[in-house]
Amino acid sequence: MSLDFDRPRATDLASPDLWLKTLFASQAARDGKIVRRSLRDIRRYCGLDTFTAEIERRGYRAFENSGQVIIFCNRAPIRPMTCSPDRG
């Protein structure tokens, strides 16, 4: 059985502050790696304004794609691996 320790528990979802604290207390976040969450969960448990304010306060970057948010829990440069034309 696989356990996902980076996911918030139901008891951790009581307040936006507690949800954010749980998110950034994950092993990946503490190690300066990346964390992924669904945009729907961020809006539901925290609110987008509160989330982006915390990302900016920490000096991190977050990117959204297809309903998923990737949070870079460090301040290292981000370099694209490929350059594909804008399909806008």
N, C-alpha and C. Protein backbone atom coordinates (compact mmCIF):
# COMPACT_ATOMS: atom_id res chain seq x y z
N MET A 1 0.84 -1.18 0.00
CA MET A 1 0.00 0.00 0.00
C MET A 1 0.88 1.24 0.00
N SER A 2 0.61 2.16 -0.88
CA SER A 2 1.39 3.38 -0.99
C SER A 2 0.73 4.50 -0.18
N LEU A 3 1.55 5.21 0.56
CA LEU A 3 1.06 6.35 1.33
C LEU A 3 1.59 7.63 0.71
N ASP A 4 0.75 8.62 0.58
CA ASP A 4 1.15 9.90 0.01
C ASP A 4 1.17 10.93 1.13
N PHE A 5 2.34 11.15 1.70
CA PHE A 5 2.47 12.04 2.84
C PHE A 5 2.43 13.52 2.45
N ASP A 6 2.52 13.83 1.16
CA ASP A 6 2.48 15.22 0.71
C ASP A 6 1.06 15.74 0.56
N ARG A 7 0.07 14.88 0.65
CA ARG A 7 -1.31 15.31 0.48
C ARG A 7 -1.89 15.73 1.81
N PRO A 8 -2.65 16.81 1.84
CA PRO A 8 -3.25 17.23 3.11
C PRO A 8 -4.29 16.23 3.60
N ARG A 9 -4.38 16.06 4.90
CA ARG A 9 -5.38 15.19 5.50
C ARG A 9 -6.67 15.98 5.68
N ALA A 10 -7.78 15.30 5.85
CA ALA A 10 -9.07 15.97 6.00
C ALA A 10 -9.05 16.93 7.19
N THR A 11 -8.36 16.57 8.26
CA THR A 11 -8.31 17.45 9.44
C THR A 11 -7.48 18.70 9.17
N ASP A 12 -6.62 18.66 8.15
CA ASP A 12 -5.76 19.81 7.83
C ASP A 12 -6.46 20.84 6.96
N LEU A 13 -7.67 20.56 6.53
CA LEU A 13 -8.34 21.43 5.58
C LEU A 13 -9.27 22.42 6.25
N ALA A 14 -9.21 22.52 7.57
CA ALA A 14 -10.15 23.34 8.32
C ALA A 14 -10.00 24.83 8.04
N SER A 15 -8.80 25.30 7.76
CA SER A 15 -8.60 26.72 7.50
C SER A 15 -7.55 26.90 6.41
N PRO A 16 -7.59 28.01 5.69
CA PRO A 16 -6.58 28.27 4.66
C PRO A 16 -5.16 28.28 5.22
N ASP A 17 -4.97 28.87 6.40
CA ASP A 17 -3.63 28.92 6.99
C ASP A 17 -3.09 27.53 7.29
N LEU A 18 -3.95 26.68 7.82
CA LEU A 18 -3.54 25.31 8.14
C LEU A 18 -3.26 24.52 6.87
N TRP A 19 -4.05 24.73 5.83
CA TRP A 19 -3.83 24.04 4.56
C TRP A 19 -2.48 24.45 3.97
N LEU A 20 -2.18 25.75 3.98
CA LEU A 20 -0.89 26.21 3.47
C LEU A 20 0.27 25.69 4.32
N LYS A 21 0.09 25.69 5.62
CA LYS A 21 1.15 25.20 6.51
C LYS A 21 1.44 23.73 6.21
N THR A 22 0.40 22.94 5.98
CA THR A 22 0.57 21.53 5.65
C THR A 22 1.26 21.37 4.30
N LEU A 23 0.87 22.17 3.33
CA LEU A 23 1.48 22.11 2.00
C LEU A 23 2.98 22.36 2.08
N PHE A 24 3.38 23.43 2.77
CA PHE A 24 4.79 23.80 2.81
C PHE A 24 5.59 23.03 3.86
N ALA A 25 4.91 22.22 4.66
CA ALA A 25 5.60 21.33 5.60
C ALA A 25 5.92 19.98 4.96
N SER A 26 5.46 19.76 3.74
CA SER A 26 5.73 18.49 3.07
C SER A 26 7.24 18.33 2.87
N GLN A 27 7.68 17.09 2.79
CA GLN A 27 9.12 16.81 2.63
C GLN A 27 9.68 17.47 1.38
N ALA A 28 8.95 17.39 0.28
CA ALA A 28 9.42 17.99 -0.98
C ALA A 28 9.60 19.49 -0.83
N ALA A 29 8.64 20.16 -0.21
CA ALA A 29 8.73 21.61 -0.03
C ALA A 29 9.89 21.96 0.90
N ARG A 30 10.05 21.21 1.98
CA ARG A 30 11.15 21.48 2.91
C ARG A 30 12.51 21.27 2.26
N ASP A 31 12.57 20.35 1.29
CA ASP A 31 13.83 20.06 0.60
C ASP A 31 14.07 20.99 -0.58
N GLY A 32 13.17 21.95 -0.81
CA GLY A 32 13.35 22.90 -1.90
C GLY A 32 13.05 22.31 -3.27
N LYS A 33 12.20 21.31 -3.32
CA LYS A 33 11.85 20.67 -4.60
C LYS A 33 10.54 21.25 -5.12
N ILE A 34 9.79 20.47 -5.88
CA ILE A 34 8.51 20.95 -6.40
C ILE A 34 7.36 20.22 -5.75
N VAL A 35 6.23 20.89 -5.69
CA VAL A 35 4.99 20.32 -5.16
C VAL A 35 3.90 20.60 -6.19
N ARG A 36 3.02 19.64 -6.38
CA ARG A 36 1.93 19.80 -7.35
C ARG A 36 0.60 19.70 -6.61
N ARG A 37 -0.31 20.61 -6.93
CA ARG A 37 -1.67 20.56 -6.39
C ARG A 37 -2.64 20.93 -7.50
N SER A 38 -3.86 20.49 -7.38
CA SER A 38 -4.86 20.86 -8.37
C SER A 38 -5.34 22.29 -8.08
N LEU A 39 -5.60 23.02 -9.14
CA LEU A 39 -6.11 24.38 -9.02
C LEU A 39 -7.44 24.38 -8.27
N ARG A 40 -8.24 23.36 -8.51
CA ARG A 40 -9.53 23.23 -7.83
C ARG A 40 -9.34 23.15 -6.31
N ASP A 41 -8.37 22.34 -5.85
CA ASP A 41 -8.11 22.23 -4.42
C ASP A 41 -7.60 23.54 -3.83
N ILE A 42 -6.73 24.22 -4.56
CA ILE A 42 -6.21 25.50 -4.08
C ILE A 42 -7.34 26.49 -3.89
N ARG A 43 -8.22 26.56 -4.88
CA ARG A 43 -9.37 27.47 -4.77
C ARG A 43 -10.31 27.06 -3.63
N ARG A 44 -10.52 25.77 -3.47
CA ARG A 44 -11.46 25.26 -2.47
C ARG A 44 -10.95 25.43 -1.04
N TYR A 45 -9.71 25.08 -0.79
CA TYR A 45 -9.21 25.02 0.59
C TYR A 45 -8.49 26.28 1.05
N CYS A 46 -8.05 27.09 0.10
CA CYS A 46 -7.21 28.22 0.47
C CYS A 46 -7.67 29.53 -0.16
N GLY A 47 -8.04 29.47 -1.42
CA GLY A 47 -8.35 30.68 -2.18
C GLY A 47 -7.13 31.10 -2.97
N LEU A 48 -7.35 31.49 -4.20
CA LEU A 48 -6.25 31.82 -5.10
C LEU A 48 -5.46 33.04 -4.63
N ASP A 49 -6.14 34.05 -4.11
CA ASP A 49 -5.44 35.25 -3.65
C ASP A 49 -4.52 34.94 -2.46
N THR A 50 -5.01 34.17 -1.52
CA THR A 50 -4.20 33.79 -0.35
C THR A 50 -3.02 32.94 -0.78
N PHE A 51 -3.27 32.01 -1.69
CA PHE A 51 -2.22 31.13 -2.19
C PHE A 51 -1.11 31.92 -2.88
N THR A 52 -1.50 32.79 -3.82
CA THR A 52 -0.48 33.55 -4.56
C THR A 52 0.27 34.52 -3.64
N ALA A 53 -0.39 35.07 -2.65
CA ALA A 53 0.29 35.94 -1.69
C ALA A 53 1.36 35.17 -0.92
N GLU A 54 1.05 33.93 -0.54
CA GLU A 54 2.03 33.12 0.19
C GLU A 54 3.18 32.70 -0.70
N ILE A 55 2.89 32.37 -1.96
CA ILE A 55 3.96 32.04 -2.91
C ILE A 55 4.90 33.23 -3.06
N GLU A 56 4.34 34.41 -3.24
CA GLU A 56 5.16 35.61 -3.40
C GLU A 56 5.93 35.94 -2.13
N ARG A 57 5.31 35.77 -0.97
CA ARG A 57 5.98 36.04 0.31
C ARG A 57 7.22 35.16 0.47
N ARG A 58 7.11 33.92 0.03
CA ARG A 58 8.23 32.98 0.15
C ARG A 58 9.26 33.14 -0.98
N GLY A 59 8.92 33.91 -2.00
CA GLY A 59 9.84 34.08 -3.13
C GLY A 59 9.85 32.90 -4.08
N TYR A 60 8.80 32.09 -4.04
CA TYR A 60 8.69 30.92 -4.91
C TYR A 60 7.96 31.31 -6.19
N ARG A 61 7.91 30.37 -7.13
CA ARG A 61 7.14 30.55 -8.35
C ARG A 61 6.18 29.38 -8.50
N ALA A 62 5.05 29.64 -9.13
CA ALA A 62 4.06 28.60 -9.39
C ALA A 62 3.54 28.79 -10.80
N PHE A 63 3.29 27.67 -11.47
CA PHE A 63 2.79 27.68 -12.83
C PHE A 63 1.58 26.76 -12.91
N GLU A 64 0.57 27.19 -13.68
CA GLU A 64 -0.65 26.40 -13.87
C GLU A 64 -0.70 25.88 -15.29
N ASN A 65 -1.09 24.61 -15.42
CA ASN A 65 -1.30 24.02 -16.72
C ASN A 65 -2.37 22.95 -16.58
N SER A 66 -3.42 23.09 -17.36
CA SER A 66 -4.48 22.08 -17.43
C SER A 66 -5.04 21.71 -16.06
N GLY A 67 -5.23 22.73 -15.22
CA GLY A 67 -5.84 22.51 -13.93
C GLY A 67 -4.90 22.04 -12.83
N GLN A 68 -3.61 21.92 -13.14
CA GLN A 68 -2.61 21.53 -12.14
C GLN A 68 -1.65 22.69 -11.91
N VAL A 69 -1.25 22.87 -10.66
CA VAL A 69 -0.33 23.94 -10.30
C VAL A 69 0.96 23.30 -9.81
N ILE A 70 2.06 23.69 -10.42
CA ILE A 70 3.39 23.23 -10.02
C ILE A 70 4.03 24.37 -9.24
N ILE A 71 4.45 24.07 -8.02
CA ILE A 71 5.07 25.07 -7.15
C ILE A 71 6.54 24.73 -7.02
N PHE A 72 7.39 25.65 -7.42
CA PHE A 72 8.84 25.49 -7.27
C PHE A 72 9.21 26.07 -5.91
N CYS A 73 9.52 25.20 -4.96
CA CYS A 73 9.77 25.62 -3.58
C CYS A 73 11.23 26.00 -3.37
N ASN A 74 11.72 26.84 -4.26
CA ASN A 74 13.08 27.38 -4.18
C ASN A 74 13.14 28.61 -5.07
N ARG A 75 14.26 29.25 -5.05
CA ARG A 75 14.43 30.48 -5.86
C ARG A 75 15.40 30.28 -7.01
N ALA A 76 15.70 29.04 -7.33
CA ALA A 76 16.63 28.73 -8.41
C ALA A 76 16.02 29.13 -9.76
N PRO A 77 16.88 29.41 -10.74
CA PRO A 77 16.37 29.76 -12.07
C PRO A 77 15.57 28.62 -12.68
N ILE A 78 14.59 28.98 -13.47
CA ILE A 78 13.79 28.00 -14.22
C ILE A 78 14.12 28.18 -15.69
N ARG A 79 14.59 27.11 -16.31
CA ARG A 79 14.97 27.16 -17.71
C ARG A 79 14.09 26.22 -18.52
N PRO A 80 13.50 26.70 -19.61
CA PRO A 80 12.69 25.81 -20.45
C PRO A 80 13.55 24.73 -21.08
N MET A 81 13.03 23.53 -21.17
CA MET A 81 13.74 22.42 -21.80
C MET A 81 13.46 22.38 -23.30
N THR A 82 12.30 22.87 -23.70
CA THR A 82 11.94 22.91 -25.10
C THR A 82 11.29 24.25 -25.40
N CYS A 83 11.29 24.61 -26.64
CA CYS A 83 10.60 25.83 -27.07
C CYS A 83 9.61 25.44 -28.15
N SER A 84 8.36 25.40 -27.80
CA SER A 84 7.33 25.07 -28.78
C SER A 84 6.57 26.33 -29.14
N PRO A 85 6.09 26.43 -30.34
CA PRO A 85 5.37 27.63 -30.77
C PRO A 85 4.08 27.82 -29.97
N ASP A 86 3.70 29.05 -29.77
CA ASP A 86 2.47 29.36 -29.07
C ASP A 86 1.29 28.88 -29.91
N ARG A 87 0.42 28.10 -29.30
CA ARG A 87 -0.73 27.55 -30.02
C ARG A 87 -1.98 28.39 -29.80
N GLY A 88 -1.82 29.56 -29.10
CA GLY A 88 -2.90 30.45 -28.74
C GLY A 88 -3.99 30.53 -29.68
